[in-house]
Amino acid sequence: MSSSISRPLTTDIDPFLPAWGLPTSHERMVKRANSTMDEIQAFYDAMMPRLEEIIEYLNQFPIAEIPEADQPLANAALAMCEVDNAVNKWKSPTLESGIDIRRMPEKAHLYDSPRS
């Protein structure tokens, strides 16, 4: 019998969940692109020390069965994928490639077009 892992205490990161715990990758990407580096860094600095503990807790659930109350926490953990390059590589909310990522259409499928 496996024992369940208790939800980590998140009072230190709870203030970030409404802004960063967005349900889609597109919304998280737009959030990053529209944020200042100070906002991104503050979120990163709050989440990073807790990320392993948060992921360990969330991993006890199949992804489709993460409790509704934990969805913002799960989405904030996913947002760390969005902000990692901004913090550790680019030192900017976006990669200055000349492409405005906020104008990219949101994908409905993993592939550009649905496979039959």
N, C-alpha and C. Protein backbone atom coordinates (compact mmCIF):
# COMPACT_ATOMS: atom_id res chain seq x y z
N MET A 1 0.85 -1.17 0.00
CA MET A 1 0.00 0.00 0.00
C MET A 1 0.90 1.23 0.00
N SER A 2 0.64 2.14 -0.88
CA SER A 2 1.43 3.37 -0.92
C SER A 2 0.75 4.44 -0.09
N SER A 3 1.59 5.26 0.52
CA SER A 3 1.02 6.34 1.33
C SER A 3 0.98 7.61 0.49
N SER A 4 -0.02 8.40 0.75
CA SER A 4 -0.14 9.64 -0.02
C SER A 4 0.78 10.69 0.56
N ILE A 5 1.21 11.59 -0.30
CA ILE A 5 2.08 12.69 0.08
C ILE A 5 1.20 13.89 0.37
N SER A 6 1.41 14.52 1.49
CA SER A 6 0.61 15.69 1.87
C SER A 6 0.94 16.87 0.96
N ARG A 7 -0.07 17.69 0.74
CA ARG A 7 0.13 18.89 -0.07
C ARG A 7 1.11 19.81 0.63
N PRO A 8 2.12 20.29 -0.09
CA PRO A 8 3.07 21.19 0.54
C PRO A 8 2.40 22.49 0.98
N LEU A 9 2.91 23.06 2.04
CA LEU A 9 2.46 24.37 2.48
C LEU A 9 2.92 25.38 1.42
N THR A 10 1.98 26.15 0.87
CA THR A 10 2.31 27.04 -0.26
C THR A 10 1.99 28.50 0.01
N THR A 11 1.90 28.89 1.27
CA THR A 11 1.52 30.28 1.56
C THR A 11 2.49 31.28 0.93
N ASP A 12 3.75 30.89 0.76
CA ASP A 12 4.72 31.79 0.15
C ASP A 12 4.54 31.94 -1.36
N ILE A 13 3.96 30.95 -2.00
CA ILE A 13 3.76 31.04 -3.46
C ILE A 13 2.30 31.27 -3.85
N ASP A 14 1.39 31.14 -2.90
CA ASP A 14 -0.03 31.37 -3.21
C ASP A 14 -0.30 32.70 -3.90
N PRO A 15 0.38 33.80 -3.52
CA PRO A 15 0.11 35.07 -4.22
C PRO A 15 0.43 35.03 -5.72
N PHE A 16 1.28 34.11 -6.15
CA PHE A 16 1.65 34.02 -7.56
C PHE A 16 0.68 33.15 -8.38
N LEU A 17 -0.11 32.33 -7.71
CA LEU A 17 -0.93 31.35 -8.43
C LEU A 17 -1.99 31.97 -9.34
N PRO A 18 -2.69 33.03 -8.94
CA PRO A 18 -3.67 33.59 -9.88
C PRO A 18 -3.04 34.10 -11.18
N ALA A 19 -1.87 34.69 -11.08
CA ALA A 19 -1.22 35.26 -12.27
C ALA A 19 -0.49 34.22 -13.11
N TRP A 20 0.13 33.24 -12.46
CA TRP A 20 0.98 32.29 -13.17
C TRP A 20 0.38 30.90 -13.30
N GLY A 21 -0.64 30.57 -12.56
CA GLY A 21 -1.25 29.24 -12.61
C GLY A 21 -2.30 29.14 -13.70
N LEU A 22 -1.95 29.57 -14.88
CA LEU A 22 -2.90 29.64 -16.00
C LEU A 22 -3.06 28.27 -16.65
N PRO A 23 -4.26 27.97 -17.15
CA PRO A 23 -4.57 26.60 -17.57
C PRO A 23 -3.97 26.14 -18.90
N THR A 24 -3.55 27.04 -19.78
CA THR A 24 -3.02 26.58 -21.07
C THR A 24 -1.60 27.08 -21.28
N SER A 25 -0.84 26.34 -22.07
CA SER A 25 0.53 26.75 -22.37
C SER A 25 0.54 28.08 -23.11
N HIS A 26 -0.46 28.31 -23.94
CA HIS A 26 -0.54 29.58 -24.67
C HIS A 26 -0.72 30.74 -23.69
N GLU A 27 -1.61 30.59 -22.72
CA GLU A 27 -1.82 31.65 -21.72
C GLU A 27 -0.55 31.89 -20.90
N ARG A 28 0.15 30.81 -20.57
CA ARG A 28 1.39 30.96 -19.79
C ARG A 28 2.48 31.64 -20.62
N MET A 29 2.55 31.33 -21.91
CA MET A 29 3.52 31.97 -22.79
C MET A 29 3.22 33.47 -22.91
N VAL A 30 1.95 33.82 -23.10
CA VAL A 30 1.56 35.23 -23.20
C VAL A 30 1.86 35.95 -21.88
N LYS A 31 1.60 35.29 -20.76
CA LYS A 31 1.91 35.88 -19.45
C LYS A 31 3.39 36.22 -19.35
N ARG A 32 4.24 35.27 -19.74
CA ARG A 32 5.68 35.52 -19.71
C ARG A 32 6.05 36.68 -20.62
N ALA A 33 5.53 36.67 -21.83
CA ALA A 33 5.87 37.71 -22.81
C ALA A 33 5.42 39.09 -22.36
N ASN A 34 4.33 39.16 -21.61
CA ASN A 34 3.79 40.45 -21.16
C ASN A 34 4.32 40.88 -19.79
N SER A 35 5.15 40.07 -19.18
CA SER A 35 5.66 40.37 -17.84
C SER A 35 7.02 41.04 -17.92
N THR A 36 7.35 41.77 -16.87
CA THR A 36 8.69 42.34 -16.77
C THR A 36 9.63 41.27 -16.23
N MET A 37 10.92 41.47 -16.40
CA MET A 37 11.88 40.52 -15.85
C MET A 37 11.80 40.49 -14.33
N ASP A 38 11.49 41.62 -13.71
CA ASP A 38 11.33 41.64 -12.25
C ASP A 38 10.18 40.73 -11.82
N GLU A 39 9.06 40.76 -12.55
CA GLU A 39 7.92 39.89 -12.23
C GLU A 39 8.27 38.43 -12.46
N ILE A 40 8.93 38.15 -13.57
CA ILE A 40 9.33 36.78 -13.88
C ILE A 40 10.31 36.27 -12.83
N GLN A 41 11.29 37.09 -12.49
CA GLN A 41 12.30 36.68 -11.51
C GLN A 41 11.68 36.43 -10.14
N ALA A 42 10.75 37.27 -9.73
CA ALA A 42 10.08 37.08 -8.43
C ALA A 42 9.33 35.75 -8.40
N PHE A 43 8.61 35.43 -9.47
CA PHE A 43 7.90 34.15 -9.56
C PHE A 43 8.90 32.99 -9.52
N TYR A 44 9.93 33.08 -10.33
CA TYR A 44 10.96 32.03 -10.40
C TYR A 44 11.60 31.82 -9.03
N ASP A 45 11.98 32.91 -8.38
CA ASP A 45 12.65 32.82 -7.08
C ASP A 45 11.75 32.22 -6.00
N ALA A 46 10.46 32.47 -6.09
CA ALA A 46 9.52 31.88 -5.12
C ALA A 46 9.30 30.39 -5.39
N MET A 47 9.18 30.02 -6.66
CA MET A 47 8.84 28.64 -7.02
C MET A 47 10.04 27.69 -7.00
N MET A 48 11.19 28.15 -7.44
CA MET A 48 12.32 27.24 -7.66
C MET A 48 12.70 26.42 -6.42
N PRO A 49 12.81 27.03 -5.25
CA PRO A 49 13.19 26.21 -4.09
C PRO A 49 12.12 25.18 -3.70
N ARG A 50 10.91 25.36 -4.16
CA ARG A 50 9.79 24.50 -3.77
C ARG A 50 9.41 23.51 -4.88
N LEU A 51 9.99 23.67 -6.06
CA LEU A 51 9.52 22.95 -7.24
C LEU A 51 9.62 21.43 -7.08
N GLU A 52 10.71 20.93 -6.57
CA GLU A 52 10.86 19.48 -6.41
C GLU A 52 9.77 18.92 -5.50
N GLU A 53 9.53 19.59 -4.39
CA GLU A 53 8.50 19.17 -3.44
C GLU A 53 7.10 19.22 -4.07
N ILE A 54 6.84 20.26 -4.85
CA ILE A 54 5.54 20.41 -5.52
C ILE A 54 5.34 19.30 -6.55
N ILE A 55 6.37 19.05 -7.35
CA ILE A 55 6.27 18.00 -8.37
C ILE A 55 6.11 16.63 -7.73
N GLU A 56 6.85 16.37 -6.66
CA GLU A 56 6.70 15.10 -5.95
C GLU A 56 5.26 14.91 -5.47
N TYR A 57 4.67 15.96 -4.94
CA TYR A 57 3.27 15.89 -4.49
C TYR A 57 2.34 15.64 -5.68
N LEU A 58 2.50 16.41 -6.75
CA LEU A 58 1.60 16.29 -7.90
C LEU A 58 1.75 14.95 -8.63
N ASN A 59 2.95 14.38 -8.60
CA ASN A 59 3.20 13.12 -9.30
C ASN A 59 2.43 11.93 -8.72
N GLN A 60 1.84 12.08 -7.56
CA GLN A 60 1.07 10.97 -7.01
C GLN A 60 -0.30 10.83 -7.70
N PHE A 61 -0.65 11.81 -8.53
CA PHE A 61 -1.93 11.79 -9.23
C PHE A 61 -1.71 11.58 -10.73
N PRO A 62 -2.56 10.77 -11.38
CA PRO A 62 -2.56 10.81 -12.85
C PRO A 62 -2.91 12.24 -13.28
N ILE A 63 -2.34 12.71 -14.35
CA ILE A 63 -2.51 14.11 -14.73
C ILE A 63 -3.97 14.51 -14.86
N ALA A 64 -4.80 13.61 -15.35
CA ALA A 64 -6.22 13.93 -15.51
C ALA A 64 -6.97 13.92 -14.18
N GLU A 65 -6.31 13.48 -13.12
CA GLU A 65 -6.97 13.38 -11.81
C GLU A 65 -6.36 14.30 -10.75
N ILE A 66 -5.56 15.28 -11.19
CA ILE A 66 -5.05 16.25 -10.22
C ILE A 66 -6.25 16.97 -9.65
N PRO A 67 -6.36 17.04 -8.33
CA PRO A 67 -7.53 17.70 -7.72
C PRO A 67 -7.70 19.13 -8.23
N GLU A 68 -8.95 19.52 -8.42
CA GLU A 68 -9.25 20.86 -8.94
C GLU A 68 -8.58 21.95 -8.11
N ALA A 69 -8.55 21.78 -6.82
CA ALA A 69 -7.92 22.79 -5.95
C ALA A 69 -6.42 22.91 -6.19
N ASP A 70 -5.81 21.85 -6.75
CA ASP A 70 -4.37 21.86 -7.02
C ASP A 70 -4.02 22.24 -8.46
N GLN A 71 -5.03 22.46 -9.30
CA GLN A 71 -4.75 22.81 -10.69
C GLN A 71 -3.90 24.07 -10.83
N PRO A 72 -4.21 25.16 -10.11
CA PRO A 72 -3.35 26.34 -10.24
C PRO A 72 -1.90 26.06 -9.83
N LEU A 73 -1.70 25.23 -8.83
CA LEU A 73 -0.36 24.85 -8.41
C LEU A 73 0.34 24.05 -9.52
N ALA A 74 -0.38 23.11 -10.11
CA ALA A 74 0.18 22.32 -11.22
C ALA A 74 0.50 23.22 -12.40
N ASN A 75 -0.39 24.15 -12.70
CA ASN A 75 -0.16 25.06 -13.83
C ASN A 75 1.00 26.00 -13.56
N ALA A 76 1.16 26.42 -12.31
CA ALA A 76 2.31 27.27 -11.96
C ALA A 76 3.61 26.49 -12.11
N ALA A 77 3.59 25.20 -11.77
CA ALA A 77 4.77 24.37 -11.98
C ALA A 77 5.10 24.29 -13.47
N LEU A 78 4.07 24.15 -14.30
CA LEU A 78 4.28 24.16 -15.75
C LEU A 78 4.79 25.51 -16.23
N ALA A 79 4.36 26.58 -15.60
CA ALA A 79 4.82 27.92 -15.98
C ALA A 79 6.32 28.07 -15.75
N MET A 80 6.87 27.28 -14.86
CA MET A 80 8.32 27.32 -14.66
C MET A 80 9.05 26.92 -15.93
N CYS A 81 8.45 26.05 -16.75
CA CYS A 81 9.04 25.72 -18.05
C CYS A 81 9.05 26.94 -18.96
N GLU A 82 8.02 27.76 -18.84
CA GLU A 82 7.93 28.97 -19.66
C GLU A 82 8.95 30.03 -19.25
N VAL A 83 9.25 30.13 -17.97
CA VAL A 83 10.12 31.22 -17.50
C VAL A 83 11.58 30.82 -17.38
N ASP A 84 11.89 29.54 -17.43
CA ASP A 84 13.26 29.11 -17.21
C ASP A 84 14.24 29.74 -18.20
N ASN A 85 13.95 29.68 -19.48
CA ASN A 85 14.86 30.29 -20.46
C ASN A 85 14.94 31.80 -20.29
N ALA A 86 13.82 32.42 -19.97
CA ALA A 86 13.83 33.87 -19.77
C ALA A 86 14.78 34.25 -18.64
N VAL A 87 14.80 33.47 -17.58
CA VAL A 87 15.65 33.77 -16.42
C VAL A 87 17.09 33.32 -16.66
N ASN A 88 17.27 32.12 -17.16
CA ASN A 88 18.61 31.52 -17.19
C ASN A 88 19.38 31.68 -18.50
N LYS A 89 18.69 31.98 -19.59
CA LYS A 89 19.38 32.11 -20.88
C LYS A 89 19.24 33.50 -21.48
N TRP A 90 18.00 33.92 -21.69
CA TRP A 90 17.75 35.13 -22.46
C TRP A 90 17.92 36.40 -21.66
N LYS A 91 17.65 36.33 -20.35
CA LYS A 91 17.64 37.52 -19.48
C LYS A 91 16.64 38.55 -20.00
N SER A 92 15.58 38.02 -20.60
CA SER A 92 14.53 38.84 -21.22
C SER A 92 13.26 38.00 -21.25
N PRO A 93 12.08 38.63 -21.19
CA PRO A 93 10.84 37.86 -21.25
C PRO A 93 10.66 37.07 -22.55
N THR A 94 11.26 37.56 -23.62
CA THR A 94 11.14 36.87 -24.90
C THR A 94 12.51 36.80 -25.57
N LEU A 95 12.66 35.86 -26.46
CA LEU A 95 13.85 35.77 -27.29
C LEU A 95 13.68 36.78 -28.41
N GLU A 96 14.59 37.69 -28.51
CA GLU A 96 14.46 38.78 -29.49
C GLU A 96 14.77 38.28 -30.89
N SER A 97 13.81 37.58 -31.48
CA SER A 97 13.98 37.00 -32.81
C SER A 97 13.25 37.79 -33.89
N GLY A 98 12.53 38.82 -33.47
CA GLY A 98 11.74 39.59 -34.42
C GLY A 98 10.33 39.06 -34.57
N ILE A 99 10.04 37.93 -33.97
CA ILE A 99 8.70 37.33 -34.04
C ILE A 99 7.98 37.66 -32.75
N ASP A 100 6.81 38.25 -32.86
CA ASP A 100 6.00 38.55 -31.67
C ASP A 100 5.22 37.29 -31.32
N ILE A 101 5.68 36.57 -30.32
CA ILE A 101 5.05 35.29 -29.98
C ILE A 101 3.62 35.45 -29.51
N ARG A 102 3.27 36.65 -29.07
CA ARG A 102 1.89 36.88 -28.62
C ARG A 102 0.90 36.82 -29.79
N ARG A 103 1.41 36.94 -31.01
CA ARG A 103 0.53 36.90 -32.19
C ARG A 103 0.41 35.50 -32.77
N MET A 104 1.13 34.55 -32.22
CA MET A 104 1.05 33.18 -32.73
C MET A 104 -0.31 32.60 -32.38
N PRO A 105 -0.93 31.90 -33.32
CA PRO A 105 -2.23 31.30 -33.01
C PRO A 105 -2.08 30.18 -31.99
N GLU A 106 -3.08 30.06 -31.16
CA GLU A 106 -3.09 28.99 -30.17
C GLU A 106 -3.37 27.68 -30.87
N LYS A 107 -2.58 26.67 -30.58
CA LYS A 107 -2.76 25.37 -31.20
C LYS A 107 -3.80 24.57 -30.43
N ALA A 108 -4.63 23.87 -31.16
CA ALA A 108 -5.64 23.01 -30.54
C ALA A 108 -5.13 21.58 -30.42
N HIS A 109 -4.08 21.25 -31.16
CA HIS A 109 -3.53 19.90 -31.19
C HIS A 109 -2.01 19.98 -31.09
N LEU A 110 -1.40 18.87 -30.76
CA LEU A 110 0.05 18.80 -30.69
C LEU A 110 0.66 19.13 -32.05
N TYR A 111 0.02 18.67 -33.10
CA TYR A 111 0.50 18.92 -34.45
C TYR A 111 -0.19 20.14 -35.02
N ASP A 112 0.40 20.74 -36.08
CA ASP A 112 -0.20 21.93 -36.69
C ASP A 112 -1.60 21.67 -37.19
N SER A 113 -1.85 20.48 -37.67
CA SER A 113 -3.20 20.13 -38.10
C SER A 113 -3.52 18.75 -37.53
N PRO A 114 -4.79 18.51 -37.26
CA PRO A 114 -5.17 17.22 -36.68
C PRO A 114 -4.82 16.07 -37.62
N ARG A 115 -4.35 14.98 -37.05
CA ARG A 115 -4.07 13.79 -37.86
C ARG A 115 -5.35 12.98 -37.97
N SER A 116 -5.55 12.40 -39.15
CA SER A 116 -6.76 11.58 -39.31
C SER A 116 -6.50 10.15 -38.95
